[in-house]
Every structure is written in C-alpha cells, then in structure tokens.
Amino acid sequence: LFLGCELTASTKSYTFQVDEEDDSEHILALSVVCLTDGAKDECNVVEVVGRNRENQEIAVPVANLKLSCQPLLSLDNFELQPPVTFRLAAGSGPVHLAGWHRIVHREDASFEEDDVLSDGEEEELPPIKPAKK
C-alpha cells in the first residue's frame, strides 16, 4: 500500500497508526521527503516521533529541506514501525512525504509430519565437489 501525506503551517503533524488488534506485522517504509509547490526558501525540518523500548516518546529529525539547496531527500525506504508521527518542527512547508505500508501476515506455525526431522536424524546434504582449475 502506498502512503502519502503533506505537512504545512496549518497541518504540522500526521500520525500513521494501525489497528492494535490486528495480528499482522506492519512496516512503514519512508521513500521521499520533498518540498512542494508554494514552499518558501526557508529551512523545513521534518521529525519522526515514536517510542523507544521504555515507551518514552522520542523525536528524531530525518530531513532538513530548503528550496534553494536541497528541496528533495531520498530516504531509500527508511523502515519504521507504527504508530509513528511525522512532524514539521521548523518551517511552513508544504512538505510531502511518500512511502510504502507493508503488511506481513503471520502464518500458522504448523508443519507436515514429513517436514520435521526426528531426534538424531540429519538432513542429507549433497557431496562437495572440488573446484575446477
């Protein structure tokens, strides 16, 4: 699924969250952050706000964009786990964020009896052949 949002002076944040009762794993991959039509030549700082292992809120700047020198930043599918908030910490935008929302469904962990090796049974590997010179 494709994700896109825009941060502006009037809409300074966007929160991406999923249903907590969903048993799937959700990954948000951020691809591009860019200034769009109407942006001023000022520093626009975009932060990602999430929670650390102690459940404390942390904010990390991921982009500092300026129309005259760096209007676009490729983040190469920077992966985040929802819930996550994108916040315009400085500047008035508009800043567009684009990425992908990947859903990984957890499969039932049952196996066929033939697929499971019994104790002491080893999988047979093909013999190693010497390299040709």
N, C-alpha and C. Protein backbone atom coordinates (compact mmCIF):
# COMPACT_ATOMS: atom_id res chain seq x y z
N LEU A 1 0.84 -1.18 0.00
CA LEU A 1 0.00 0.00 0.00
C LEU A 1 0.88 1.23 0.00
N PHE A 2 0.45 2.25 -0.71
CA PHE A 2 1.20 3.50 -0.82
C PHE A 2 0.74 4.48 0.25
N LEU A 3 1.71 5.17 0.85
CA LEU A 3 1.39 6.19 1.84
C LEU A 3 1.86 7.54 1.34
N GLY A 4 1.09 8.56 1.57
CA GLY A 4 1.49 9.92 1.24
C GLY A 4 0.80 10.88 2.18
N CYS A 5 1.52 11.92 2.61
CA CYS A 5 0.92 12.94 3.44
C CYS A 5 1.65 14.25 3.20
N GLU A 6 1.04 15.35 3.61
CA GLU A 6 1.65 16.66 3.42
C GLU A 6 1.60 17.41 4.74
N LEU A 7 2.74 18.00 5.10
CA LEU A 7 2.84 18.81 6.31
C LEU A 7 2.92 20.27 5.89
N THR A 8 2.12 21.12 6.55
CA THR A 8 2.08 22.54 6.22
C THR A 8 2.06 23.35 7.52
N ALA A 9 2.01 24.67 7.37
CA ALA A 9 1.94 25.55 8.53
C ALA A 9 0.65 25.30 9.32
N SER A 10 -0.41 24.93 8.63
CA SER A 10 -1.68 24.67 9.33
C SER A 10 -1.84 23.22 9.78
N THR A 11 -1.17 22.29 9.11
CA THR A 11 -1.20 20.87 9.48
C THR A 11 0.23 20.43 9.74
N LYS A 12 0.70 20.63 10.96
CA LYS A 12 2.11 20.41 11.29
C LYS A 12 2.46 18.95 11.57
N SER A 13 1.46 18.08 11.73
CA SER A 13 1.80 16.68 12.03
C SER A 13 0.81 15.73 11.38
N TYR A 14 1.29 14.50 11.20
CA TYR A 14 0.48 13.42 10.65
C TYR A 14 0.89 12.15 11.38
N THR A 15 -0.08 11.42 11.94
CA THR A 15 0.20 10.18 12.65
C THR A 15 -0.29 8.99 11.85
N PHE A 16 0.60 8.04 11.65
CA PHE A 16 0.26 6.79 10.98
C PHE A 16 0.15 5.71 12.05
N GLN A 17 -1.02 5.13 12.16
CA GLN A 17 -1.21 4.06 13.13
C GLN A 17 -2.06 2.95 12.53
N VAL A 18 -1.98 1.78 13.15
CA VAL A 18 -2.72 0.61 12.69
C VAL A 18 -3.58 0.09 13.82
N ASP A 19 -4.52 -0.76 13.48
CA ASP A 19 -5.39 -1.38 14.46
C ASP A 19 -4.55 -2.28 15.37
N GLU A 20 -4.56 -2.01 16.67
CA GLU A 20 -3.74 -2.77 17.61
C GLU A 20 -4.19 -4.23 17.73
N GLU A 21 -5.43 -4.52 17.36
CA GLU A 21 -5.92 -5.89 17.44
C GLU A 21 -5.52 -6.72 16.22
N ASP A 22 -4.97 -6.07 15.21
CA ASP A 22 -4.52 -6.76 14.01
C ASP A 22 -3.31 -7.61 14.36
N ASP A 23 -3.32 -8.87 13.97
CA ASP A 23 -2.24 -9.81 14.31
C ASP A 23 -1.10 -9.77 13.30
N SER A 24 -1.18 -8.89 12.32
CA SER A 24 -0.14 -8.80 11.29
C SER A 24 0.97 -7.86 11.75
N GLU A 25 2.13 -7.99 11.10
CA GLU A 25 3.23 -7.07 11.35
C GLU A 25 3.15 -5.96 10.30
N HIS A 26 3.23 -4.72 10.75
CA HIS A 26 3.13 -3.57 9.86
C HIS A 26 4.47 -2.85 9.82
N ILE A 27 4.92 -2.52 8.62
CA ILE A 27 6.17 -1.79 8.44
C ILE A 27 5.88 -0.62 7.51
N LEU A 28 6.31 0.55 7.93
CA LEU A 28 6.17 1.74 7.12
C LEU A 28 7.55 2.09 6.58
N ALA A 29 7.69 2.16 5.26
CA ALA A 29 8.96 2.47 4.63
C ALA A 29 8.86 3.85 3.98
N LEU A 30 9.60 4.80 4.52
CA LEU A 30 9.58 6.17 4.02
C LEU A 30 10.57 6.31 2.88
N SER A 31 10.10 6.74 1.70
CA SER A 31 10.93 6.80 0.49
C SER A 31 11.47 8.20 0.21
N VAL A 32 10.57 9.19 0.19
CA VAL A 32 10.94 10.53 -0.25
C VAL A 32 10.28 11.58 0.63
N VAL A 33 11.05 12.64 0.92
CA VAL A 33 10.53 13.83 1.58
C VAL A 33 10.90 14.99 0.67
N CYS A 34 9.92 15.80 0.26
CA CYS A 34 10.24 16.89 -0.67
C CYS A 34 9.34 18.10 -0.43
N LEU A 35 9.89 19.25 -0.78
CA LEU A 35 9.10 20.49 -0.76
C LEU A 35 8.21 20.49 -1.99
N THR A 36 7.02 21.03 -1.85
CA THR A 36 6.09 21.07 -2.99
C THR A 36 5.78 22.52 -3.35
N ASP A 37 4.94 22.69 -4.34
CA ASP A 37 4.59 24.00 -4.87
C ASP A 37 4.10 24.93 -3.76
N GLY A 38 4.68 26.12 -3.71
CA GLY A 38 4.29 27.11 -2.71
C GLY A 38 5.25 27.20 -1.54
N ALA A 39 6.29 26.37 -1.54
CA ALA A 39 7.26 26.39 -0.44
C ALA A 39 8.13 27.65 -0.52
N LYS A 40 8.45 28.20 0.64
CA LYS A 40 9.34 29.36 0.72
C LYS A 40 10.78 28.86 0.84
N ASP A 41 11.73 29.76 0.59
CA ASP A 41 13.14 29.40 0.72
C ASP A 41 13.55 29.56 2.19
N GLU A 42 13.13 28.60 3.00
CA GLU A 42 13.43 28.57 4.43
C GLU A 42 13.73 27.13 4.82
N CYS A 43 14.36 26.93 5.96
CA CYS A 43 14.63 25.57 6.44
C CYS A 43 13.34 24.93 6.91
N ASN A 44 13.06 23.75 6.40
CA ASN A 44 11.91 22.95 6.80
C ASN A 44 12.44 21.66 7.40
N VAL A 45 12.27 21.49 8.69
CA VAL A 45 12.79 20.32 9.40
C VAL A 45 11.63 19.37 9.69
N VAL A 46 11.78 18.12 9.22
CA VAL A 46 10.78 17.09 9.45
C VAL A 46 11.33 16.11 10.47
N GLU A 47 10.54 15.85 11.51
CA GLU A 47 10.91 14.90 12.56
C GLU A 47 10.01 13.68 12.49
N VAL A 48 10.58 12.55 12.92
CA VAL A 48 9.80 11.33 13.14
C VAL A 48 9.69 11.17 14.65
N VAL A 49 8.46 11.03 15.13
CA VAL A 49 8.22 10.89 16.56
C VAL A 49 7.70 9.48 16.81
N GLY A 50 8.39 8.78 17.68
CA GLY A 50 7.99 7.41 18.02
C GLY A 50 8.24 7.14 19.50
N ARG A 51 8.29 5.87 19.83
CA ARG A 51 8.52 5.47 21.22
C ARG A 51 9.70 4.52 21.27
N ASN A 52 10.53 4.67 22.32
CA ASN A 52 11.66 3.77 22.49
C ASN A 52 11.23 2.54 23.29
N ARG A 53 12.18 1.70 23.65
CA ARG A 53 11.86 0.45 24.36
C ARG A 53 11.27 0.67 25.74
N GLU A 54 11.56 1.82 26.34
CA GLU A 54 11.00 2.16 27.65
C GLU A 54 9.66 2.90 27.52
N ASN A 55 9.13 2.93 26.28
CA ASN A 55 7.85 3.56 25.95
C ASN A 55 7.89 5.08 26.15
N GLN A 56 9.08 5.68 26.06
CA GLN A 56 9.22 7.12 26.14
C GLN A 56 9.19 7.69 24.73
N GLU A 57 8.54 8.85 24.57
CA GLU A 57 8.47 9.48 23.26
C GLU A 57 9.83 10.05 22.87
N ILE A 58 10.24 9.77 21.64
CA ILE A 58 11.48 10.34 21.11
C ILE A 58 11.20 10.95 19.75
N ALA A 59 11.89 12.05 19.46
CA ALA A 59 11.74 12.72 18.18
C ALA A 59 13.11 12.79 17.52
N VAL A 60 13.18 12.37 16.26
CA VAL A 60 14.43 12.35 15.52
C VAL A 60 14.24 13.10 14.20
N PRO A 61 15.06 14.12 13.95
CA PRO A 61 14.95 14.81 12.66
C PRO A 61 15.43 13.90 11.53
N VAL A 62 14.66 13.81 10.45
CA VAL A 62 15.04 12.97 9.31
C VAL A 62 15.29 13.77 8.05
N ALA A 63 14.86 15.03 8.02
CA ALA A 63 15.08 15.84 6.82
C ALA A 63 15.15 17.31 7.19
N ASN A 64 16.08 18.03 6.55
CA ASN A 64 16.17 19.48 6.65
C ASN A 64 16.21 19.99 5.22
N LEU A 65 15.08 20.48 4.73
CA LEU A 65 14.93 20.86 3.34
C LEU A 65 14.89 22.38 3.17
N LYS A 66 15.51 22.86 2.11
CA LYS A 66 15.47 24.28 1.76
C LYS A 66 15.36 24.36 0.25
N LEU A 67 14.45 25.16 -0.24
CA LEU A 67 14.14 25.24 -1.66
C LEU A 67 15.36 25.53 -2.52
N SER A 68 16.26 26.42 -2.08
CA SER A 68 17.41 26.82 -2.89
C SER A 68 18.56 25.83 -2.90
N CYS A 69 18.62 24.90 -1.92
CA CYS A 69 19.78 24.00 -1.90
C CYS A 69 19.43 22.51 -1.78
N GLN A 70 18.38 22.16 -1.11
CA GLN A 70 18.00 20.74 -1.02
C GLN A 70 16.48 20.63 -0.90
N PRO A 71 15.78 20.67 -2.04
CA PRO A 71 14.32 20.60 -2.00
C PRO A 71 13.76 19.19 -1.86
N LEU A 72 14.62 18.17 -2.03
CA LEU A 72 14.16 16.78 -2.01
C LEU A 72 15.20 15.90 -1.32
N LEU A 73 14.72 14.91 -0.58
CA LEU A 73 15.61 13.96 0.08
C LEU A 73 15.06 12.55 -0.12
N SER A 74 15.89 11.67 -0.66
CA SER A 74 15.52 10.26 -0.81
C SER A 74 15.98 9.51 0.43
N LEU A 75 15.06 8.80 1.06
CA LEU A 75 15.37 8.07 2.29
C LEU A 75 15.51 6.58 2.08
N ASP A 76 15.48 6.14 0.82
CA ASP A 76 15.75 4.74 0.47
C ASP A 76 14.95 3.75 1.31
N ASN A 77 13.64 3.99 1.42
CA ASN A 77 12.72 3.11 2.16
C ASN A 77 13.14 2.90 3.61
N PHE A 78 13.34 4.01 4.31
CA PHE A 78 13.67 4.03 5.73
C PHE A 78 12.51 3.40 6.50
N GLU A 79 12.76 2.26 7.17
CA GLU A 79 11.69 1.48 7.79
C GLU A 79 11.38 1.93 9.21
N LEU A 80 10.08 2.05 9.48
CA LEU A 80 9.58 2.46 10.79
C LEU A 80 8.45 1.51 11.18
N GLN A 81 8.24 1.37 12.48
CA GLN A 81 7.13 0.55 12.96
C GLN A 81 6.05 1.45 13.56
N PRO A 82 4.82 1.33 13.08
CA PRO A 82 3.73 2.16 13.59
C PRO A 82 3.41 1.82 15.05
N PRO A 83 2.85 2.74 15.79
CA PRO A 83 2.44 4.08 15.37
C PRO A 83 3.64 5.01 15.29
N VAL A 84 3.60 5.92 14.34
CA VAL A 84 4.67 6.90 14.15
C VAL A 84 4.03 8.22 13.69
N THR A 85 4.61 9.32 14.18
CA THR A 85 4.12 10.64 13.82
C THR A 85 5.20 11.39 13.06
N PHE A 86 4.81 12.05 11.98
CA PHE A 86 5.70 12.92 11.23
C PHE A 86 5.32 14.34 11.61
N ARG A 87 6.32 15.14 11.97
CA ARG A 87 6.05 16.49 12.46
C ARG A 87 6.94 17.50 11.75
N LEU A 88 6.35 18.62 11.35
CA LEU A 88 7.10 19.73 10.78
C LEU A 88 7.59 20.57 11.96
N ALA A 89 8.86 20.37 12.35
CA ALA A 89 9.41 21.01 13.54
C ALA A 89 9.84 22.45 13.26
N ALA A 90 10.19 22.77 12.01
CA ALA A 90 10.56 24.13 11.64
C ALA A 90 10.13 24.36 10.20
N GLY A 91 9.82 25.62 9.87
CA GLY A 91 9.41 25.96 8.53
C GLY A 91 7.90 25.88 8.38
N SER A 92 7.44 26.29 7.19
CA SER A 92 5.99 26.32 6.95
C SER A 92 5.55 25.37 5.84
N GLY A 93 6.53 24.65 5.22
CA GLY A 93 6.17 23.69 4.18
C GLY A 93 5.68 24.38 2.93
N PRO A 94 4.87 23.74 2.15
CA PRO A 94 4.40 22.36 2.28
C PRO A 94 5.50 21.34 1.97
N VAL A 95 5.52 20.30 2.81
CA VAL A 95 6.46 19.19 2.65
C VAL A 95 5.64 17.94 2.41
N HIS A 96 5.96 17.23 1.34
CA HIS A 96 5.25 15.99 1.01
C HIS A 96 6.12 14.79 1.39
N LEU A 97 5.52 13.80 2.05
CA LEU A 97 6.20 12.57 2.43
C LEU A 97 5.54 11.43 1.66
N ALA A 98 6.36 10.53 1.11
CA ALA A 98 5.83 9.39 0.36
C ALA A 98 6.57 8.13 0.80
N GLY A 99 5.84 7.04 0.82
CA GLY A 99 6.44 5.77 1.20
C GLY A 99 5.48 4.62 0.99
N TRP A 100 5.81 3.49 1.62
CA TRP A 100 5.05 2.26 1.46
C TRP A 100 4.66 1.71 2.81
N HIS A 101 3.47 1.14 2.88
CA HIS A 101 3.00 0.44 4.06
C HIS A 101 2.95 -1.04 3.70
N ARG A 102 3.82 -1.82 4.36
CA ARG A 102 3.88 -3.26 4.07
C ARG A 102 3.24 -4.01 5.23
N ILE A 103 2.38 -4.96 4.90
CA ILE A 103 1.70 -5.78 5.90
C ILE A 103 2.19 -7.21 5.74
N VAL A 104 2.75 -7.76 6.81
CA VAL A 104 3.24 -9.13 6.80
C VAL A 104 2.30 -9.95 7.67
N HIS A 105 1.57 -10.86 7.04
CA HIS A 105 0.63 -11.70 7.78
C HIS A 105 1.37 -12.86 8.44
N ARG A 106 1.10 -13.09 9.69
CA ARG A 106 1.74 -14.19 10.41
C ARG A 106 1.02 -15.49 10.03
N GLU A 107 1.81 -16.46 9.60
CA GLU A 107 1.26 -17.75 9.16
C GLU A 107 1.15 -18.70 10.36
N ASP A 108 0.25 -19.65 10.24
CA ASP A 108 0.13 -20.69 11.26
C ASP A 108 1.42 -21.50 11.27
N ALA A 109 1.98 -21.75 12.43
CA ALA A 109 3.29 -22.41 12.56
C ALA A 109 3.19 -23.93 12.49
N SER A 110 2.12 -24.48 11.96
CA SER A 110 2.00 -25.94 11.88
C SER A 110 2.81 -26.47 10.69
N PHE A 111 3.37 -27.66 10.87
CA PHE A 111 4.19 -28.31 9.84
C PHE A 111 3.59 -29.67 9.50
N GLU A 112 3.92 -30.14 8.32
CA GLU A 112 3.58 -31.51 7.95
C GLU A 112 4.52 -32.44 8.69
N GLU A 113 4.07 -33.65 9.02
CA GLU A 113 4.92 -34.59 9.75
C GLU A 113 6.19 -34.92 8.98
N ASP A 114 6.12 -35.00 7.66
CA ASP A 114 7.28 -35.33 6.84
C ASP A 114 8.33 -34.22 6.85
N ASP A 115 7.93 -32.98 7.16
CA ASP A 115 8.85 -31.85 7.14
C ASP A 115 9.70 -31.76 8.40
N VAL A 116 9.31 -32.41 9.46
CA VAL A 116 10.01 -32.30 10.73
C VAL A 116 10.97 -33.48 10.87
N LEU A 117 12.24 -33.19 11.21
CA LEU A 117 13.23 -34.24 11.42
C LEU A 117 13.12 -34.75 12.85
N SER A 118 13.17 -36.06 13.02
CA SER A 118 13.12 -36.61 14.38
C SER A 118 14.50 -36.46 15.02
N ASP A 119 14.57 -36.63 16.34
CA ASP A 119 15.83 -36.51 17.08
C ASP A 119 16.85 -37.48 16.52
N GLY A 120 18.06 -37.01 16.31
CA GLY A 120 19.14 -37.85 15.81
C GLY A 120 19.16 -37.99 14.30
N GLU A 121 18.10 -37.60 13.62
CA GLU A 121 18.04 -37.69 12.17
C GLU A 121 18.62 -36.41 11.58
N GLU A 122 19.52 -36.55 10.60
CA GLU A 122 20.15 -35.39 10.00
C GLU A 122 19.72 -35.29 8.54
N GLU A 123 19.65 -34.08 8.08
CA GLU A 123 19.31 -33.85 6.68
C GLU A 123 20.52 -34.21 5.83
N GLU A 124 20.27 -34.93 4.73
CA GLU A 124 21.36 -35.37 3.87
C GLU A 124 21.72 -34.24 2.90
N LEU A 125 23.00 -33.86 2.90
CA LEU A 125 23.49 -32.80 2.03
C LEU A 125 24.24 -33.40 0.84
N PRO A 126 24.20 -32.75 -0.31
CA PRO A 126 24.95 -33.27 -1.45
C PRO A 126 26.45 -33.14 -1.17
N PRO A 127 27.27 -34.06 -1.77
CA PRO A 127 28.71 -34.00 -1.52
C PRO A 127 29.31 -32.74 -2.14
N ILE A 128 30.41 -32.27 -1.54
CA ILE A 128 31.11 -31.10 -2.03
C ILE A 128 32.05 -31.51 -3.12
N LYS A 129 31.97 -30.83 -4.27
CA LYS A 129 32.82 -31.16 -5.41
C LYS A 129 33.98 -30.18 -5.44
N PRO A 130 35.18 -30.66 -5.81
CA PRO A 130 36.32 -29.75 -5.88
C PRO A 130 36.12 -28.75 -7.03
N ALA A 131 36.70 -27.55 -6.85
CA ALA A 131 36.59 -26.50 -7.87
C ALA A 131 37.44 -26.87 -9.07
N LYS A 132 36.97 -26.48 -10.27
CA LYS A 132 37.74 -26.72 -11.50
C LYS A 132 38.76 -25.63 -11.64
N LYS A 133 39.98 -26.02 -12.09
CA LYS A 133 41.06 -25.05 -12.26
C LYS A 133 41.10 -24.53 -13.66
